[in-house]
């Protein structure tokens, strides 16, 4: 089992920045890809960014050039630096972790609200 705890959400004005963190605990040696997803009520959860244990990254088109995902393998933590935030970035952001056995784990979610 892997537990994920997110932090860093909040309210920010358009153009501002926020940094999300997600700390993993439990069987962290099994972790492979970690990432962030977001969900707006009534919509499906969508990919924001992922990062492999080796550091390869993948971003959704709407956040490319504004968001940066990073990972500290020694601390089993993944970060999402969000710059130039827009009102359409408002959502609940979820941390995700996949293991080498293709198990998937989710954090509890953290609210990000961008005011115009």
N, C-alpha and C. Protein backbone atom coordinates (compact mmCIF):
# COMPACT_ATOMS: atom_id res chain seq x y z
N UNK A 1 0.83 -1.21 0.00
CA UNK A 1 0.00 0.00 0.00
C UNK A 1 0.87 1.25 0.00
N UNK A 2 0.35 2.26 -0.67
CA UNK A 2 1.02 3.56 -0.72
C UNK A 2 0.01 4.62 -0.29
N UNK A 3 0.43 5.53 0.53
CA UNK A 3 -0.41 6.65 0.94
C UNK A 3 0.17 7.94 0.36
N UNK A 4 -0.71 8.80 -0.12
CA UNK A 4 -0.31 10.07 -0.73
C UNK A 4 -1.00 11.21 0.00
N UNK A 5 -0.22 12.21 0.39
CA UNK A 5 -0.77 13.38 1.08
C UNK A 5 -0.35 14.63 0.34
N UNK A 6 -1.34 15.38 -0.15
CA UNK A 6 -1.06 16.61 -0.89
C UNK A 6 -1.10 17.81 0.04
N UNK A 7 -0.43 18.85 -0.37
CA UNK A 7 -0.49 20.14 0.32
C UNK A 7 -0.15 21.24 -0.67
N UNK A 8 -0.53 22.47 -0.30
CA UNK A 8 -0.13 23.62 -1.10
C UNK A 8 -1.21 24.29 -1.91
N UNK A 9 -2.42 23.76 -1.89
CA UNK A 9 -3.48 24.42 -2.62
C UNK A 9 -3.90 25.71 -1.95
N UNK A 10 -4.81 26.43 -2.61
CA UNK A 10 -5.30 27.67 -2.02
C UNK A 10 -5.92 28.57 -3.06
N UNK A 11 -6.09 29.83 -2.67
CA UNK A 11 -6.70 30.85 -3.52
C UNK A 11 -5.61 31.80 -4.00
N UNK A 12 -5.61 32.08 -5.29
CA UNK A 12 -4.61 32.97 -5.85
C UNK A 12 -5.26 33.77 -6.97
N UNK A 13 -4.75 34.97 -7.21
CA UNK A 13 -5.25 35.77 -8.32
C UNK A 13 -4.66 35.29 -9.64
N UNK A 14 -5.38 35.56 -10.70
CA UNK A 14 -4.89 35.22 -12.03
C UNK A 14 -3.51 35.84 -12.25
N UNK A 15 -2.62 35.04 -12.84
CA UNK A 15 -1.25 35.48 -13.04
C UNK A 15 -0.31 35.09 -11.92
N UNK A 16 -0.87 34.63 -10.82
CA UNK A 16 -0.07 34.26 -9.67
C UNK A 16 0.46 32.84 -9.77
N UNK A 17 1.10 32.41 -8.68
CA UNK A 17 1.74 31.10 -8.64
C UNK A 17 1.35 30.34 -7.38
N UNK A 18 1.38 29.03 -7.50
CA UNK A 18 1.21 28.13 -6.37
C UNK A 18 2.12 26.94 -6.57
N UNK A 19 2.51 26.32 -5.47
CA UNK A 19 3.32 25.10 -5.54
C UNK A 19 2.63 24.02 -4.73
N UNK A 20 2.32 22.92 -5.41
CA UNK A 20 1.72 21.78 -4.75
C UNK A 20 2.80 20.75 -4.42
N UNK A 21 2.61 20.07 -3.30
CA UNK A 21 3.50 18.98 -2.91
C UNK A 21 2.69 17.74 -2.62
N UNK A 22 3.30 16.60 -2.85
CA UNK A 22 2.64 15.33 -2.56
C UNK A 22 3.69 14.39 -1.98
N UNK A 23 3.48 14.00 -0.75
CA UNK A 23 4.42 13.11 -0.07
C UNK A 23 3.85 11.70 -0.04
N UNK A 24 4.65 10.75 -0.47
CA UNK A 24 4.25 9.35 -0.49
C UNK A 24 4.85 8.62 0.70
N UNK A 25 4.10 7.68 1.24
CA UNK A 25 4.59 6.83 2.33
C UNK A 25 4.09 5.42 2.11
N UNK A 26 4.63 4.48 2.86
CA UNK A 26 4.26 3.09 2.69
C UNK A 26 5.29 2.39 1.83
N UNK A 27 4.82 1.61 0.87
CA UNK A 27 5.72 0.82 0.03
C UNK A 27 6.26 1.66 -1.13
N UNK A 28 7.01 2.68 -0.79
CA UNK A 28 7.47 3.65 -1.78
C UNK A 28 8.50 3.09 -2.74
N UNK A 29 9.11 1.97 -2.38
CA UNK A 29 10.10 1.38 -3.29
C UNK A 29 9.46 0.86 -4.56
N UNK A 30 8.14 0.70 -4.54
CA UNK A 30 7.43 0.20 -5.71
C UNK A 30 7.00 1.31 -6.67
N UNK A 31 7.19 2.57 -6.26
CA UNK A 31 6.68 3.68 -7.06
C UNK A 31 7.39 3.81 -8.40
N UNK A 32 6.63 4.03 -9.45
CA UNK A 32 7.17 4.24 -10.78
C UNK A 32 6.81 5.65 -11.23
N UNK A 33 5.70 5.80 -11.91
CA UNK A 33 5.28 7.12 -12.38
C UNK A 33 4.45 7.81 -11.31
N UNK A 34 4.73 9.08 -11.10
CA UNK A 34 3.91 9.92 -10.23
C UNK A 34 3.41 11.12 -11.02
N UNK A 35 2.30 11.67 -10.60
CA UNK A 35 1.78 12.79 -11.37
C UNK A 35 0.67 13.53 -10.68
N UNK A 36 0.13 14.48 -11.41
CA UNK A 36 -0.97 15.31 -10.94
C UNK A 36 -2.10 15.29 -11.96
N UNK A 37 -3.29 15.19 -11.45
CA UNK A 37 -4.51 15.27 -12.23
C UNK A 37 -5.38 16.34 -11.60
N UNK A 38 -6.39 16.81 -12.34
CA UNK A 38 -7.31 17.78 -11.76
C UNK A 38 -8.73 17.49 -12.23
N UNK A 39 -9.67 17.96 -11.42
CA UNK A 39 -11.07 17.70 -11.71
C UNK A 39 -11.93 18.86 -11.29
N UNK A 40 -12.80 19.25 -12.19
CA UNK A 40 -13.81 20.27 -11.95
C UNK A 40 -15.14 19.54 -11.76
N UNK A 41 -15.98 19.96 -10.82
CA UNK A 41 -17.27 19.27 -10.63
C UNK A 41 -18.04 19.13 -11.94
N UNK A 42 -18.50 17.91 -12.20
CA UNK A 42 -19.26 17.64 -13.41
C UNK A 42 -18.41 17.21 -14.58
N UNK A 43 -17.09 17.31 -14.42
CA UNK A 43 -16.17 16.91 -15.49
C UNK A 43 -15.35 15.70 -15.07
N UNK A 44 -14.76 15.06 -16.07
CA UNK A 44 -13.87 13.94 -15.76
C UNK A 44 -12.55 14.46 -15.23
N UNK A 45 -11.89 13.61 -14.46
CA UNK A 45 -10.55 13.94 -13.97
C UNK A 45 -9.61 13.92 -15.17
N UNK A 46 -8.75 14.94 -15.25
CA UNK A 46 -7.87 15.05 -16.41
C UNK A 46 -6.41 15.13 -15.99
N UNK A 47 -5.57 14.66 -16.88
CA UNK A 47 -4.14 14.69 -16.65
C UNK A 47 -3.62 16.13 -16.63
N UNK A 48 -2.71 16.40 -15.69
CA UNK A 48 -2.00 17.67 -15.70
C UNK A 48 -0.55 17.42 -16.11
N UNK A 49 0.13 16.56 -15.37
CA UNK A 49 1.53 16.27 -15.66
C UNK A 49 1.94 14.99 -14.95
N UNK A 50 2.91 14.29 -15.55
CA UNK A 50 3.46 13.09 -14.92
C UNK A 50 4.98 13.14 -14.99
N UNK A 51 5.60 12.35 -14.12
CA UNK A 51 7.06 12.26 -14.11
C UNK A 51 7.45 10.84 -13.70
N UNK A 52 8.39 10.26 -14.44
CA UNK A 52 8.86 8.93 -14.11
C UNK A 52 9.92 9.00 -13.02
N UNK A 53 10.30 7.84 -12.52
CA UNK A 53 11.34 7.82 -11.49
C UNK A 53 12.66 8.33 -12.05
N UNK A 54 12.86 8.18 -13.35
CA UNK A 54 14.07 8.66 -13.99
C UNK A 54 14.03 10.12 -14.37
N UNK A 55 12.86 10.76 -14.21
CA UNK A 55 12.77 12.19 -14.45
C UNK A 55 12.14 12.60 -15.77
N UNK A 56 11.68 11.65 -16.55
CA UNK A 56 11.00 12.01 -17.79
C UNK A 56 9.62 12.58 -17.47
N UNK A 57 9.28 13.68 -18.14
CA UNK A 57 8.04 14.39 -17.83
C UNK A 57 7.09 14.40 -19.01
N UNK A 58 5.83 14.60 -18.69
CA UNK A 58 4.77 14.71 -19.70
C UNK A 58 3.77 15.72 -19.18
N UNK A 59 3.35 16.64 -20.06
CA UNK A 59 2.42 17.69 -19.66
C UNK A 59 1.20 17.72 -20.57
N UNK A 60 0.07 18.06 -19.99
CA UNK A 60 -1.11 18.33 -20.80
C UNK A 60 -0.92 19.65 -21.53
N UNK A 61 -1.46 19.76 -22.72
CA UNK A 61 -1.25 20.96 -23.53
C UNK A 61 -1.64 22.26 -22.82
N UNK A 62 -2.76 22.29 -22.07
CA UNK A 62 -3.17 23.57 -21.46
C UNK A 62 -2.18 24.12 -20.42
N UNK A 63 -1.28 23.28 -19.92
CA UNK A 63 -0.38 23.75 -18.87
C UNK A 63 1.07 23.84 -19.32
N UNK A 64 1.36 23.41 -20.53
CA UNK A 64 2.72 23.45 -21.03
C UNK A 64 3.26 24.88 -21.00
N UNK A 65 4.48 25.01 -20.50
CA UNK A 65 5.10 26.32 -20.42
C UNK A 65 4.74 27.11 -19.18
N UNK A 66 3.75 26.65 -18.42
CA UNK A 66 3.33 27.37 -17.21
C UNK A 66 3.56 26.52 -15.95
N UNK A 67 3.38 25.23 -16.06
CA UNK A 67 3.52 24.32 -14.92
C UNK A 67 4.80 23.50 -15.08
N UNK A 68 5.41 23.18 -13.95
CA UNK A 68 6.60 22.34 -13.94
C UNK A 68 6.44 21.27 -12.87
N UNK A 69 6.62 20.02 -13.27
CA UNK A 69 6.56 18.92 -12.33
C UNK A 69 7.99 18.50 -11.98
N UNK A 70 8.20 18.18 -10.72
CA UNK A 70 9.52 17.75 -10.27
C UNK A 70 9.35 16.66 -9.22
N UNK A 71 10.43 15.95 -8.97
CA UNK A 71 10.31 14.80 -8.07
C UNK A 71 11.60 14.67 -7.26
N UNK A 72 11.45 14.38 -6.00
CA UNK A 72 12.57 14.09 -5.11
C UNK A 72 12.43 12.62 -4.71
N UNK A 73 13.18 11.75 -5.35
CA UNK A 73 13.03 10.32 -5.09
C UNK A 73 13.49 9.95 -3.67
N UNK A 74 14.46 10.67 -3.16
CA UNK A 74 14.96 10.37 -1.82
C UNK A 74 13.90 10.64 -0.76
N UNK A 75 13.05 11.64 -1.03
CA UNK A 75 11.99 12.00 -0.07
C UNK A 75 10.62 11.52 -0.52
N UNK A 76 10.59 10.78 -1.63
CA UNK A 76 9.31 10.24 -2.14
C UNK A 76 8.26 11.33 -2.27
N UNK A 77 8.66 12.43 -2.84
CA UNK A 77 7.78 13.59 -2.96
C UNK A 77 7.77 14.08 -4.39
N UNK A 78 6.60 14.49 -4.84
CA UNK A 78 6.46 15.09 -6.16
C UNK A 78 5.87 16.48 -5.98
N UNK A 79 6.33 17.40 -6.82
CA UNK A 79 5.92 18.80 -6.73
C UNK A 79 5.29 19.24 -8.05
N UNK A 80 4.44 20.24 -7.96
CA UNK A 80 3.89 20.87 -9.15
C UNK A 80 3.97 22.38 -8.95
N UNK A 81 4.89 23.00 -9.67
CA UNK A 81 5.01 24.46 -9.64
C UNK A 81 4.09 25.02 -10.70
N UNK A 82 3.15 25.84 -10.29
CA UNK A 82 2.15 26.39 -11.21
C UNK A 82 2.32 27.90 -11.28
N UNK A 83 2.71 28.37 -12.45
CA UNK A 83 2.91 29.80 -12.69
C UNK A 83 1.89 30.31 -13.69
N UNK A 84 1.75 31.62 -13.75
CA UNK A 84 0.82 32.25 -14.70
C UNK A 84 -0.55 31.59 -14.64
N UNK A 85 -1.05 31.42 -13.45
CA UNK A 85 -2.32 30.72 -13.27
C UNK A 85 -3.48 31.48 -13.89
N UNK A 86 -4.42 30.72 -14.41
CA UNK A 86 -5.60 31.26 -15.06
C UNK A 86 -6.85 30.78 -14.33
N UNK A 87 -7.96 31.50 -14.43
CA UNK A 87 -9.19 31.03 -13.78
C UNK A 87 -9.58 29.62 -14.20
N UNK A 88 -9.27 29.26 -15.43
CA UNK A 88 -9.62 27.91 -15.90
C UNK A 88 -8.76 26.82 -15.29
N UNK A 89 -7.74 27.20 -14.53
CA UNK A 89 -6.96 26.21 -13.78
C UNK A 89 -7.64 25.83 -12.47
N UNK A 90 -8.71 26.52 -12.12
CA UNK A 90 -9.43 26.22 -10.89
C UNK A 90 -9.97 24.80 -10.93
N UNK A 91 -9.62 24.01 -9.90
CA UNK A 91 -10.02 22.60 -9.84
C UNK A 91 -9.52 22.01 -8.53
N UNK A 92 -9.95 20.79 -8.28
CA UNK A 92 -9.32 19.99 -7.23
C UNK A 92 -8.18 19.22 -7.89
N UNK A 93 -6.99 19.36 -7.33
CA UNK A 93 -5.81 18.72 -7.88
C UNK A 93 -5.50 17.47 -7.06
N UNK A 94 -5.31 16.36 -7.78
CA UNK A 94 -5.06 15.07 -7.13
C UNK A 94 -3.67 14.57 -7.49
N UNK A 95 -2.97 14.10 -6.49
CA UNK A 95 -1.70 13.42 -6.70
C UNK A 95 -1.99 11.97 -7.06
N UNK A 96 -1.19 11.44 -7.96
CA UNK A 96 -1.35 10.06 -8.42
C UNK A 96 0.00 9.36 -8.41
N UNK A 97 -0.03 8.08 -8.08
CA UNK A 97 1.20 7.28 -8.13
C UNK A 97 0.88 5.90 -8.68
N UNK A 98 1.67 5.47 -9.62
CA UNK A 98 1.56 4.13 -10.18
C UNK A 98 2.78 3.33 -9.76
N UNK A 99 2.57 2.06 -9.41
CA UNK A 99 3.69 1.20 -9.03
C UNK A 99 4.13 0.37 -10.24
N UNK A 100 5.23 -0.31 -10.06
CA UNK A 100 5.74 -1.19 -11.11
C UNK A 100 4.80 -2.35 -11.37
N UNK A 101 3.90 -2.62 -10.44
CA UNK A 101 2.90 -3.66 -10.62
C UNK A 101 1.58 -3.10 -11.14
N UNK A 102 1.61 -1.84 -11.58
CA UNK A 102 0.46 -1.17 -12.19
C UNK A 102 -0.69 -0.95 -11.22
N UNK A 103 -0.39 -0.92 -9.92
CA UNK A 103 -1.38 -0.44 -8.96
C UNK A 103 -1.40 1.07 -9.01
N UNK A 104 -2.56 1.65 -8.80
CA UNK A 104 -2.71 3.11 -8.85
C UNK A 104 -3.22 3.62 -7.51
N UNK A 105 -2.61 4.69 -7.05
CA UNK A 105 -3.01 5.31 -5.79
C UNK A 105 -3.30 6.79 -6.00
N UNK A 106 -4.22 7.31 -5.20
CA UNK A 106 -4.63 8.71 -5.29
C UNK A 106 -4.55 9.38 -3.93
N UNK A 107 -4.21 10.66 -3.96
CA UNK A 107 -4.30 11.46 -2.76
C UNK A 107 -5.73 11.93 -2.56
N UNK A 108 -5.93 12.69 -1.49
CA UNK A 108 -7.28 13.13 -1.14
C UNK A 108 -7.71 14.36 -1.93
N UNK A 109 -6.79 14.99 -2.59
CA UNK A 109 -7.11 16.18 -3.39
C UNK A 109 -6.89 17.47 -2.63
N UNK A 110 -6.50 18.50 -3.36
CA UNK A 110 -6.32 19.83 -2.77
C UNK A 110 -6.93 20.86 -3.73
N UNK A 111 -7.68 21.79 -3.17
CA UNK A 111 -8.40 22.76 -3.99
C UNK A 111 -7.47 23.89 -4.42
N UNK A 112 -7.51 24.19 -5.70
CA UNK A 112 -6.83 25.36 -6.25
C UNK A 112 -7.89 26.25 -6.87
N UNK A 113 -7.95 27.49 -6.42
CA UNK A 113 -8.92 28.44 -6.93
C UNK A 113 -8.18 29.67 -7.44
N UNK A 114 -8.42 30.01 -8.70
CA UNK A 114 -7.77 31.17 -9.32
C UNK A 114 -8.85 32.20 -9.62
N UNK A 115 -8.73 33.35 -9.01
CA UNK A 115 -9.73 34.40 -9.20
C UNK A 115 -9.30 35.32 -10.34
N UNK A 116 -10.29 35.83 -11.04
CA UNK A 116 -9.99 36.72 -12.18
C UNK A 116 -9.91 38.16 -11.75
